[in-house]
């Protein structure tokens, strides 16, 4: 039994419009191959541009840093950040304080600050090794709050007499009488000398 709908009459004269049989040329984008050495500086400069360029709507730099911070985390730090309760970090200062308290509790900070302030050059340690170790101690405690002049004073006073005399000779007087920038330059230059 065959039933035809009245809403669709059988009209044999009607032609069905068809699409033209044009071949589409695909839009092929050639990939750019870049090395890690090229990409990392680009990413750094892009981040720097984002933080220092004026933004539409006058978004504060702290807000941008707060939004981008999660993308800089890996491993345990990322897990820590994701476990933080929602809306517990509202400002950049909140984030900095929580991060420091998580990874640098007060007892650890006190210990690291004491190590820095009691720095002493080890027996048979070269000037270069002492300087690298001192800088590593500072890096281990990024919130040490020692001024540059205090750092230079601590390092200088922790050196053996021979290296203190060598620095003073390079200075043409007492190293500590120089500006911070001059003293740092003298120390860096001396640390690059092969026999030190």
Protein backbone atom coordinates (compact mmCIF):
# COMPACT_ATOMS: atom_id res chain seq x y z
CA UNK A 1 0.00 0.00 0.00
CA UNK A 2 1.39 3.29 -1.07
CA UNK A 3 0.47 6.59 0.56
CA UNK A 4 1.49 9.96 -0.76
CA UNK A 5 1.51 13.04 1.36
CA UNK A 6 -0.44 15.97 0.01
CA UNK A 7 2.15 18.36 1.40
CA UNK A 8 4.79 16.88 -0.93
CA UNK A 9 3.15 16.53 -4.31
CA UNK A 10 4.85 14.43 -6.94
CA UNK A 11 6.19 16.98 -9.37
CA UNK A 12 8.42 15.29 -11.90
CA UNK A 13 9.39 18.59 -13.55
CA UNK A 14 11.17 19.94 -10.46
CA UNK A 15 14.92 19.87 -10.58
CA UNK A 16 17.00 19.53 -7.49
CA UNK A 17 19.73 22.17 -7.30
CA UNK A 18 23.14 20.66 -6.94
CA UNK A 19 26.39 22.11 -5.82
CA UNK A 20 28.96 22.71 -8.44
CA UNK A 21 31.71 20.18 -8.55
CA UNK A 22 34.56 22.55 -7.76
CA UNK A 23 37.58 21.15 -6.12
CA UNK A 24 38.38 22.90 -2.86
CA UNK A 25 41.96 23.87 -2.45
CA UNK A 26 42.79 23.19 1.18
CA UNK A 27 44.41 25.97 3.18
CA UNK A 28 47.70 24.39 4.11
CA UNK A 29 49.78 26.19 6.68
CA UNK A 30 53.43 25.33 6.61
CA UNK A 31 54.65 24.69 10.18
CA UNK A 32 57.51 26.73 11.50
CA UNK A 33 60.12 24.62 13.18
CA UNK A 34 61.93 26.41 15.96
CA UNK A 35 64.58 25.25 18.35
CA UNK A 36 64.26 25.44 22.11
CA UNK A 37 66.90 28.17 22.13
CA UNK A 38 64.61 30.29 19.91
CA UNK A 39 61.37 29.56 21.76
CA UNK A 40 62.48 30.14 25.37
CA UNK A 41 63.68 33.74 24.83
CA UNK A 42 60.50 34.41 22.85
CA UNK A 43 58.37 33.12 25.73
CA UNK A 44 60.37 35.17 28.24
CA UNK A 45 60.08 38.34 26.19
CA UNK A 46 56.37 37.71 25.60
CA UNK A 47 55.80 37.35 29.34
CA UNK A 48 57.86 40.47 29.94
CA UNK A 49 55.88 42.36 27.31
CA UNK A 50 52.62 41.26 28.90
CA UNK A 51 53.71 42.48 32.30
CA UNK A 52 55.08 45.85 31.24
CA UNK A 53 52.87 46.92 28.33
CA UNK A 54 49.81 49.01 29.17
CA UNK A 55 46.71 46.86 29.02
CA UNK A 56 43.25 47.65 27.79
CA UNK A 57 41.01 48.64 30.67
CA UNK A 58 43.99 49.45 32.90
CA UNK A 59 44.37 45.94 34.31
CA UNK A 60 47.03 46.08 37.04
CA UNK A 61 50.23 44.10 36.48
CA UNK A 62 49.59 42.18 39.70
CA UNK A 63 46.31 40.89 38.27
CA UNK A 64 48.08 39.71 35.12
CA UNK A 65 50.82 38.01 37.15
CA UNK A 66 48.15 36.35 39.28
CA UNK A 67 46.41 34.98 36.17
CA UNK A 68 49.64 33.75 34.55
CA UNK A 69 51.27 32.27 37.67
CA UNK A 70 49.58 28.84 37.50
CA UNK A 71 51.11 28.24 34.06
CA UNK A 72 54.61 28.56 35.52
CA UNK A 73 54.15 25.74 38.02
CA UNK A 74 55.17 22.10 37.74
CA UNK A 75 55.12 19.04 39.95
CA UNK A 76 54.61 19.55 43.67
CA UNK A 77 54.16 23.31 43.31
CA UNK A 78 51.31 22.81 40.83
CA UNK A 79 49.65 20.25 43.11
CA UNK A 80 49.98 22.66 46.05
CA UNK A 81 48.40 25.49 44.04
CA UNK A 82 45.50 23.34 42.82
CA UNK A 83 44.74 22.22 46.40
CA UNK A 84 44.32 25.81 47.60
CA UNK A 85 40.65 26.56 48.34
CA UNK A 86 38.83 28.68 45.74
CA UNK A 87 39.01 32.42 46.41
CA UNK A 88 41.73 31.95 49.03
CA UNK A 89 44.23 33.83 46.84
CA UNK A 90 42.83 37.18 45.77
CA UNK A 91 45.94 39.34 45.39
CA UNK A 92 49.53 38.91 44.29
CA UNK A 93 50.67 39.52 47.88
CA UNK A 94 48.35 36.71 49.08
CA UNK A 95 49.97 34.38 46.58
CA UNK A 96 53.53 35.39 47.48
CA UNK A 97 52.86 34.96 51.21
CA UNK A 98 51.20 31.56 50.81
CA UNK A 99 53.93 30.33 48.47
CA UNK A 100 56.73 31.44 50.79
CA UNK A 101 55.00 29.94 53.83
CA UNK A 102 54.54 26.65 51.97
CA UNK A 103 58.06 26.28 50.64
CA UNK A 104 60.00 28.44 53.11
CA UNK A 105 58.42 28.02 56.55
CA UNK A 106 59.77 30.42 59.20
CA UNK A 107 62.10 27.79 60.69
CA UNK A 108 63.70 27.07 57.31
CA UNK A 109 63.98 30.79 56.53
CA UNK A 110 65.69 31.44 59.86
CA UNK A 111 68.12 28.59 59.25
CA UNK A 112 68.98 29.82 55.72
CA UNK A 113 69.40 33.42 56.91
CA UNK A 114 71.74 32.24 59.68
CA UNK A 115 73.81 30.29 57.15
CA UNK A 116 74.12 33.40 54.98
CA UNK A 117 75.01 35.74 57.83
CA UNK A 118 77.62 33.31 59.21
CA UNK A 119 79.25 32.63 55.84
CA UNK A 120 82.93 31.62 56.09
CA UNK A 121 85.27 30.55 53.32
CA UNK A 122 86.17 26.89 53.73
CA UNK A 123 89.71 25.62 54.09
CA UNK A 124 91.30 25.20 50.63
CA UNK A 125 88.20 26.67 48.96
CA UNK A 126 89.13 28.98 46.10
CA UNK A 127 87.76 32.50 45.86
CA UNK A 128 85.58 31.47 42.91
CA UNK A 129 84.18 28.46 44.79
CA UNK A 130 83.45 30.62 47.84
CA UNK A 131 81.69 33.25 45.72
CA UNK A 132 79.59 30.62 43.89
CA UNK A 133 78.65 28.95 47.19
CA UNK A 134 77.67 32.31 48.69
CA UNK A 135 75.49 33.16 45.66
CA UNK A 136 73.88 29.72 45.88
CA UNK A 137 73.05 30.36 49.55
CA UNK A 138 71.34 33.61 48.52
CA UNK A 139 69.40 31.83 45.76
CA UNK A 140 68.26 29.16 48.21
CA UNK A 141 66.55 31.86 50.28
CA UNK A 142 65.15 34.37 47.76
CA UNK A 143 63.34 36.34 50.47
CA UNK A 144 66.45 36.78 52.67
CA UNK A 145 65.93 40.59 52.79
CA UNK A 146 69.68 41.31 53.02
CA UNK A 147 70.60 44.50 51.17
CA UNK A 148 73.34 44.27 48.54
CA UNK A 149 75.79 46.16 50.76
CA UNK A 150 75.09 43.73 53.62
CA UNK A 151 75.64 40.79 51.26
CA UNK A 152 78.99 42.22 50.11
CA UNK A 153 80.04 42.94 53.70
CA UNK A 154 79.08 39.41 54.81
CA UNK A 155 80.94 37.80 51.92
CA UNK A 156 84.06 39.97 52.35
CA UNK A 157 84.26 39.38 56.11
CA UNK A 158 83.80 35.63 55.59
CA UNK A 159 86.82 35.38 53.29
CA UNK A 160 90.28 34.34 54.43
CA UNK A 161 92.87 37.12 54.87
CA UNK A 162 94.64 36.32 51.61
CA UNK A 163 91.48 36.78 49.51
CA UNK A 164 90.50 39.91 51.46
CA UNK A 165 93.94 41.38 50.72
CA UNK A 166 93.62 40.37 47.07
CA UNK A 167 90.25 42.16 46.80
CA UNK A 168 91.64 45.25 48.52
CA UNK A 169 94.61 45.27 46.13
CA UNK A 170 92.25 45.04 43.14
CA UNK A 171 90.28 47.92 44.62
CA UNK A 172 93.28 50.10 45.37
CA UNK A 173 92.14 50.42 48.96
CA UNK A 174 89.37 48.81 50.97
CA UNK A 175 86.65 46.99 49.01
CA UNK A 176 84.01 48.11 51.47
CA UNK A 177 84.73 51.77 50.71
CA UNK A 178 83.49 51.28 47.12
CA UNK A 179 79.91 51.61 45.92
CA UNK A 180 77.83 48.46 45.82
CA UNK A 181 77.99 48.27 42.04
CA UNK A 182 81.78 48.76 41.96
CA UNK A 183 82.33 46.17 44.70
CA UNK A 184 80.15 43.59 42.92
CA UNK A 185 82.01 44.19 39.66
CA UNK A 186 85.38 43.71 41.38
CA UNK A 187 84.18 40.48 43.05
CA UNK A 188 82.73 39.14 39.78
CA UNK A 189 85.93 39.98 37.88
CA UNK A 190 88.11 38.31 40.52
CA UNK A 191 85.90 35.21 40.48
CA UNK A 192 86.53 34.85 36.73
CA UNK A 193 90.30 34.77 37.12
CA UNK A 194 91.44 31.17 36.57
CA UNK A 195 93.82 30.85 39.51
CA UNK A 196 91.46 32.24 42.16
